């Protein structure tokens, strides 16, 4: 199991509605509003993919964000858990790591297939 490094940055609130793609050209590192968790294609919060506006489980398999997440900013109210589909077993997800509330974290493997945000 791989754990991520995180650093506290403050801010927490409620998560709201659903996943939404980032607008083209959004380039600011760790660009993420209080109350949300944000997911990036690049490390250190670069190249935003989407913002999760609600808690719960999001299965990314087969969608545009599968195997794309390299970093996460978690400014929501619940811990973000990330999972990888066990290709060899083909029947379950393996815990890959997490990002605490008020933290940012890098994942260097681009193999995240599911996220779970605690409510």
N, C-alpha and C. Protein backbone atom coordinates (compact mmCIF):
# COMPACT_ATOMS: atom_id res chain seq x y z
N UNK A 1 0.85 -1.17 0.00
CA UNK A 1 0.00 0.00 0.00
C UNK A 1 0.90 1.23 0.00
N UNK A 2 0.60 2.18 -0.86
CA UNK A 2 1.39 3.40 -0.93
C UNK A 2 0.61 4.52 -0.26
N UNK A 3 1.27 5.27 0.58
CA UNK A 3 0.66 6.43 1.21
C UNK A 3 1.23 7.67 0.57
N UNK A 4 0.49 8.76 0.62
CA UNK A 4 0.97 9.99 0.01
C UNK A 4 1.45 10.94 1.08
N UNK A 5 2.28 11.86 0.67
CA UNK A 5 2.71 12.92 1.55
C UNK A 5 1.67 14.03 1.46
N UNK A 6 1.36 14.66 2.56
CA UNK A 6 0.43 15.77 2.50
C UNK A 6 0.90 16.86 3.43
N UNK A 7 0.46 18.09 3.14
CA UNK A 7 0.80 19.19 4.01
C UNK A 7 -0.47 19.96 4.30
N UNK A 8 -0.62 20.41 5.53
CA UNK A 8 -1.84 21.12 5.92
C UNK A 8 -1.88 22.48 5.26
N UNK A 9 -3.06 22.87 4.80
CA UNK A 9 -3.22 24.18 4.19
C UNK A 9 -4.49 24.89 4.65
N UNK A 10 -5.30 24.27 5.48
CA UNK A 10 -6.47 24.91 6.05
C UNK A 10 -7.69 24.93 5.15
N UNK A 11 -8.81 25.30 5.73
CA UNK A 11 -10.07 25.46 5.00
C UNK A 11 -10.86 24.17 4.90
N UNK A 12 -12.09 24.20 5.35
CA UNK A 12 -12.97 23.04 5.18
C UNK A 12 -14.40 23.54 5.16
N UNK A 13 -15.24 22.83 4.48
CA UNK A 13 -16.65 23.19 4.38
C UNK A 13 -17.42 21.96 3.93
N UNK A 14 -18.63 22.13 3.43
CA UNK A 14 -19.43 21.01 2.94
C UNK A 14 -19.20 20.80 1.45
N UNK A 15 -19.24 19.54 1.02
CA UNK A 15 -19.17 19.23 -0.40
C UNK A 15 -20.59 19.30 -0.94
N UNK A 16 -20.75 19.68 -2.23
CA UNK A 16 -22.09 19.96 -2.73
C UNK A 16 -22.65 18.95 -3.73
N UNK A 17 -22.45 19.08 -5.04
CA UNK A 17 -23.31 18.38 -5.98
C UNK A 17 -22.68 17.23 -6.76
N UNK A 18 -21.80 17.42 -7.73
CA UNK A 18 -21.31 16.32 -8.57
C UNK A 18 -19.95 16.62 -9.15
N UNK A 19 -19.42 15.72 -9.98
CA UNK A 19 -18.15 15.93 -10.65
C UNK A 19 -18.37 16.87 -11.83
N UNK A 20 -17.45 17.81 -12.00
CA UNK A 20 -17.54 18.70 -13.16
C UNK A 20 -16.16 18.91 -13.73
N UNK A 21 -16.06 18.93 -15.04
CA UNK A 21 -14.77 19.12 -15.70
C UNK A 21 -14.29 20.54 -15.50
N UNK A 22 -12.97 20.70 -15.46
CA UNK A 22 -12.38 22.03 -15.31
C UNK A 22 -12.41 22.77 -16.63
N UNK A 23 -12.53 24.09 -16.58
CA UNK A 23 -12.52 24.85 -17.83
C UNK A 23 -11.15 24.78 -18.49
N UNK A 24 -11.12 24.83 -19.81
CA UNK A 24 -9.86 24.80 -20.55
C UNK A 24 -9.03 26.00 -20.16
N UNK A 25 -7.74 25.81 -20.05
CA UNK A 25 -6.83 26.91 -19.75
C UNK A 25 -6.65 27.18 -18.26
N UNK A 26 -7.32 26.43 -17.38
CA UNK A 26 -7.13 26.63 -15.95
C UNK A 26 -5.74 26.14 -15.58
N UNK A 27 -4.83 27.07 -15.25
CA UNK A 27 -3.44 26.71 -15.09
C UNK A 27 -2.88 26.90 -13.69
N UNK A 28 -3.59 27.57 -12.80
CA UNK A 28 -3.07 27.87 -11.47
C UNK A 28 -2.89 26.58 -10.66
N UNK A 29 -1.73 26.45 -10.03
CA UNK A 29 -1.46 25.27 -9.22
C UNK A 29 -2.36 25.27 -7.99
N UNK A 30 -2.88 24.10 -7.66
CA UNK A 30 -3.75 23.87 -6.51
C UNK A 30 -4.97 24.79 -6.53
N UNK A 31 -5.47 25.13 -7.69
CA UNK A 31 -6.66 25.97 -7.84
C UNK A 31 -7.88 25.15 -7.42
N UNK A 32 -8.39 25.41 -6.21
CA UNK A 32 -9.51 24.65 -5.69
C UNK A 32 -10.20 25.48 -4.61
N UNK A 33 -11.50 25.65 -4.72
CA UNK A 33 -12.26 26.46 -3.77
C UNK A 33 -12.50 25.71 -2.46
N UNK A 34 -12.64 26.47 -1.39
CA UNK A 34 -12.98 25.90 -0.09
C UNK A 34 -14.31 25.16 -0.22
N UNK A 35 -14.40 24.01 0.42
CA UNK A 35 -15.62 23.22 0.39
C UNK A 35 -15.61 22.11 -0.65
N UNK A 36 -14.53 21.97 -1.41
CA UNK A 36 -14.46 21.01 -2.49
C UNK A 36 -13.15 20.22 -2.43
N UNK A 37 -13.13 19.12 -3.17
CA UNK A 37 -11.86 18.43 -3.43
C UNK A 37 -11.65 18.49 -4.94
N UNK A 38 -10.39 18.72 -5.33
CA UNK A 38 -10.06 18.91 -6.75
C UNK A 38 -9.00 17.90 -7.16
N UNK A 39 -9.05 17.51 -8.43
CA UNK A 39 -8.24 16.41 -8.95
C UNK A 39 -7.50 16.90 -10.19
N UNK A 40 -6.20 16.57 -10.26
CA UNK A 40 -5.32 17.13 -11.27
C UNK A 40 -4.58 16.04 -12.03
N UNK A 41 -4.35 16.29 -13.30
CA UNK A 41 -3.58 15.39 -14.15
C UNK A 41 -2.09 15.50 -13.84
N UNK A 42 -1.62 16.68 -13.52
CA UNK A 42 -0.21 16.90 -13.20
C UNK A 42 0.03 16.86 -11.70
N UNK A 43 1.28 16.68 -11.32
CA UNK A 43 1.64 16.73 -9.91
C UNK A 43 1.60 18.17 -9.42
N UNK A 44 1.58 18.34 -8.11
CA UNK A 44 1.58 19.66 -7.47
C UNK A 44 0.40 20.52 -7.91
N UNK A 45 -0.75 19.90 -8.14
CA UNK A 45 -1.96 20.64 -8.43
C UNK A 45 -2.00 21.34 -9.76
N UNK A 46 -1.41 20.76 -10.78
CA UNK A 46 -1.41 21.37 -12.11
C UNK A 46 -2.32 20.57 -13.05
N UNK A 47 -2.89 21.26 -14.01
CA UNK A 47 -3.76 20.65 -15.04
C UNK A 47 -5.01 20.01 -14.41
N UNK A 48 -5.89 20.85 -13.87
CA UNK A 48 -7.10 20.36 -13.20
C UNK A 48 -7.96 19.53 -14.15
N UNK A 49 -8.36 18.37 -13.65
CA UNK A 49 -9.26 17.49 -14.37
C UNK A 49 -10.71 17.77 -14.00
N UNK A 50 -11.01 17.76 -12.69
CA UNK A 50 -12.38 17.97 -12.23
C UNK A 50 -12.40 18.36 -10.77
N UNK A 51 -13.57 18.82 -10.34
CA UNK A 51 -13.85 19.15 -8.94
C UNK A 51 -14.96 18.23 -8.48
N UNK A 52 -14.77 17.60 -7.34
CA UNK A 52 -15.84 16.78 -6.77
C UNK A 52 -16.67 17.67 -5.87
N UNK A 53 -17.91 17.81 -6.23
CA UNK A 53 -18.80 18.70 -5.50
C UNK A 53 -19.76 17.95 -4.59
N UNK A 54 -19.53 16.66 -4.40
CA UNK A 54 -20.34 15.89 -3.46
C UNK A 54 -19.51 14.75 -2.88
N UNK A 55 -19.90 14.32 -1.70
CA UNK A 55 -19.20 13.20 -1.08
C UNK A 55 -19.74 11.89 -1.64
N UNK A 56 -19.12 10.80 -1.25
CA UNK A 56 -19.54 9.49 -1.72
C UNK A 56 -18.48 8.84 -2.59
N UNK A 57 -18.88 7.77 -3.27
CA UNK A 57 -17.96 6.99 -4.09
C UNK A 57 -18.13 7.34 -5.56
N UNK A 58 -17.01 7.50 -6.24
CA UNK A 58 -16.99 7.82 -7.67
C UNK A 58 -16.10 6.78 -8.37
N UNK A 59 -16.72 5.89 -9.13
CA UNK A 59 -16.00 4.88 -9.90
C UNK A 59 -15.58 5.53 -11.22
N UNK A 60 -14.29 5.65 -11.45
CA UNK A 60 -13.77 6.35 -12.62
C UNK A 60 -13.50 5.41 -13.80
N UNK A 61 -13.67 4.11 -13.60
CA UNK A 61 -13.36 3.15 -14.66
C UNK A 61 -14.21 3.40 -15.90
N UNK A 62 -13.57 3.40 -17.05
CA UNK A 62 -14.26 3.57 -18.32
C UNK A 62 -14.59 5.00 -18.67
N UNK A 63 -14.30 5.95 -17.79
CA UNK A 63 -14.59 7.36 -18.05
C UNK A 63 -13.33 8.14 -18.39
N UNK A 64 -13.49 9.42 -18.65
CA UNK A 64 -12.36 10.24 -19.09
C UNK A 64 -11.31 10.50 -18.00
N UNK A 65 -11.62 10.20 -16.74
CA UNK A 65 -10.68 10.49 -15.66
C UNK A 65 -9.95 9.25 -15.13
N UNK A 66 -10.27 8.08 -15.67
CA UNK A 66 -9.60 6.85 -15.24
C UNK A 66 -8.11 6.95 -15.54
N UNK A 67 -7.30 6.60 -14.55
CA UNK A 67 -5.83 6.57 -14.69
C UNK A 67 -5.25 7.92 -15.09
N UNK A 68 -5.86 9.00 -14.64
CA UNK A 68 -5.38 10.35 -14.97
C UNK A 68 -4.91 11.14 -13.76
N UNK A 69 -5.41 10.84 -12.57
CA UNK A 69 -5.15 11.66 -11.39
C UNK A 69 -3.71 11.50 -10.90
N UNK A 70 -3.02 12.65 -10.80
CA UNK A 70 -1.65 12.67 -10.26
C UNK A 70 -1.57 13.42 -8.94
N UNK A 71 -2.54 14.31 -8.68
CA UNK A 71 -2.53 15.04 -7.41
C UNK A 71 -3.95 15.45 -7.04
N UNK A 72 -4.13 15.69 -5.72
CA UNK A 72 -5.45 16.03 -5.18
C UNK A 72 -5.28 17.14 -4.15
N UNK A 73 -6.20 18.12 -4.20
CA UNK A 73 -6.33 19.13 -3.15
C UNK A 73 -7.65 18.83 -2.45
N UNK A 74 -7.62 18.66 -1.14
CA UNK A 74 -8.84 18.33 -0.40
C UNK A 74 -9.19 19.46 0.55
N UNK A 75 -10.08 20.33 0.12
CA UNK A 75 -10.55 21.44 0.94
C UNK A 75 -12.00 21.24 1.35
N UNK A 76 -12.46 20.00 1.25
CA UNK A 76 -13.82 19.65 1.63
C UNK A 76 -13.90 19.28 3.10
N UNK A 77 -14.95 18.56 3.47
CA UNK A 77 -15.17 18.23 4.88
C UNK A 77 -14.86 16.78 5.24
N UNK A 78 -14.47 15.97 4.25
CA UNK A 78 -14.18 14.56 4.52
C UNK A 78 -12.91 14.09 3.85
N UNK A 79 -12.28 13.10 4.45
CA UNK A 79 -11.07 12.52 3.89
C UNK A 79 -11.36 11.93 2.52
N UNK A 80 -10.41 12.06 1.58
CA UNK A 80 -10.53 11.48 0.24
C UNK A 80 -9.67 10.22 0.20
N UNK A 81 -10.29 9.10 -0.14
CA UNK A 81 -9.62 7.81 -0.29
C UNK A 81 -9.49 7.52 -1.77
N UNK A 82 -8.36 7.00 -2.21
CA UNK A 82 -8.19 6.65 -3.63
C UNK A 82 -7.84 5.18 -3.76
N UNK A 83 -8.37 4.57 -4.83
CA UNK A 83 -8.24 3.13 -5.04
C UNK A 83 -7.82 2.83 -6.47
N UNK A 84 -7.17 1.68 -6.61
CA UNK A 84 -6.74 1.17 -7.91
C UNK A 84 -7.42 -0.18 -8.13
N UNK A 85 -7.97 -0.38 -9.33
CA UNK A 85 -8.58 -1.66 -9.68
C UNK A 85 -7.48 -2.71 -9.77
N UNK A 86 -7.66 -3.83 -9.10
CA UNK A 86 -6.69 -4.93 -9.14
C UNK A 86 -6.86 -5.67 -10.46
N UNK A 87 -6.04 -5.33 -11.44
CA UNK A 87 -6.16 -5.90 -12.79
C UNK A 87 -5.90 -7.40 -12.77
N UNK A 88 -4.93 -7.84 -11.99
CA UNK A 88 -4.60 -9.27 -11.95
C UNK A 88 -5.75 -10.10 -11.38
N UNK A 89 -6.30 -9.65 -10.26
CA UNK A 89 -7.42 -10.38 -9.65
C UNK A 89 -8.72 -10.08 -10.41
N UNK A 90 -8.84 -8.85 -10.89
CA UNK A 90 -10.01 -8.45 -11.67
C UNK A 90 -11.32 -8.45 -10.92
N UNK A 91 -11.25 -8.37 -9.58
CA UNK A 91 -12.51 -8.45 -8.84
C UNK A 91 -12.60 -7.49 -7.66
N UNK A 92 -11.64 -6.59 -7.49
CA UNK A 92 -11.72 -5.67 -6.36
C UNK A 92 -10.77 -4.48 -6.55
N UNK A 93 -11.00 -3.46 -5.72
CA UNK A 93 -10.14 -2.29 -5.68
C UNK A 93 -9.15 -2.44 -4.54
N UNK A 94 -7.93 -1.97 -4.73
CA UNK A 94 -6.92 -1.91 -3.67
C UNK A 94 -6.76 -0.47 -3.23
N UNK A 95 -6.68 -0.24 -1.92
CA UNK A 95 -6.45 1.10 -1.39
C UNK A 95 -5.08 1.59 -1.85
N UNK A 96 -5.04 2.77 -2.42
CA UNK A 96 -3.80 3.36 -2.94
C UNK A 96 -3.28 4.46 -2.02
N UNK A 97 -4.17 5.12 -1.28
CA UNK A 97 -3.77 6.20 -0.38
C UNK A 97 -4.95 7.09 -0.05
N UNK A 98 -4.66 8.24 0.55
CA UNK A 98 -5.71 9.16 0.93
C UNK A 98 -5.13 10.56 1.07
N UNK A 99 -6.04 11.53 1.14
CA UNK A 99 -5.65 12.92 1.38
C UNK A 99 -6.57 13.45 2.48
N UNK A 100 -5.96 13.90 3.55
CA UNK A 100 -6.70 14.43 4.69
C UNK A 100 -7.37 15.76 4.33
N UNK A 101 -8.39 16.13 5.08
CA UNK A 101 -9.06 17.41 4.92
C UNK A 101 -8.05 18.54 5.14
N UNK A 102 -8.07 19.54 4.27
CA UNK A 102 -7.16 20.68 4.39
C UNK A 102 -5.77 20.39 3.88
N UNK A 103 -5.61 19.33 3.10
CA UNK A 103 -4.29 18.93 2.62
C UNK A 103 -4.25 18.78 1.11
N UNK A 104 -3.02 18.67 0.63
CA UNK A 104 -2.77 18.39 -0.78
C UNK A 104 -1.87 17.18 -0.85
N UNK A 105 -2.00 16.39 -1.92
CA UNK A 105 -1.15 15.22 -2.04
C UNK A 105 -0.87 14.86 -3.48
N UNK A 106 0.30 14.29 -3.71
CA UNK A 106 0.72 13.83 -5.02
C UNK A 106 0.68 12.31 -5.09
N UNK A 107 0.21 11.80 -6.23
CA UNK A 107 0.27 10.37 -6.55
C UNK A 107 1.04 10.32 -7.86
N UNK A 108 2.06 9.53 -7.93
CA UNK A 108 2.96 9.56 -9.08
C UNK A 108 2.71 8.43 -10.07
N UNK A 109 1.64 7.67 -9.90
CA UNK A 109 1.45 6.47 -10.70
C UNK A 109 0.35 6.57 -11.76
N UNK A 110 -0.49 7.58 -11.70
CA UNK A 110 -1.59 7.76 -12.66
C UNK A 110 -2.37 6.46 -12.88
N UNK A 111 -2.77 5.80 -11.80
CA UNK A 111 -3.54 4.56 -11.95
C UNK A 111 -4.78 4.53 -11.07
N UNK A 112 -5.25 5.69 -10.63
CA UNK A 112 -6.42 5.76 -9.75
C UNK A 112 -7.69 5.48 -10.53
N UNK A 113 -8.48 4.52 -10.03
CA UNK A 113 -9.70 4.09 -10.70
C UNK A 113 -10.97 4.41 -9.91
N UNK A 114 -10.82 4.78 -8.64
CA UNK A 114 -12.00 5.10 -7.82
C UNK A 114 -11.58 6.06 -6.73
N UNK A 115 -12.48 7.00 -6.40
CA UNK A 115 -12.27 7.86 -5.25
C UNK A 115 -13.47 7.72 -4.33
N UNK A 116 -13.23 7.84 -3.05
CA UNK A 116 -14.31 7.86 -2.08
C UNK A 116 -14.07 9.06 -1.17
N UNK A 117 -15.09 9.91 -1.05
CA UNK A 117 -15.00 11.10 -0.20
C UNK A 117 -15.92 10.89 0.98
N UNK A 118 -15.34 10.88 2.19
CA UNK A 118 -16.14 10.70 3.39
C UNK A 118 -17.14 11.85 3.54
N UNK A 119 -18.36 11.52 3.94
CA UNK A 119 -19.41 12.54 4.15
C UNK A 119 -19.35 13.05 5.59
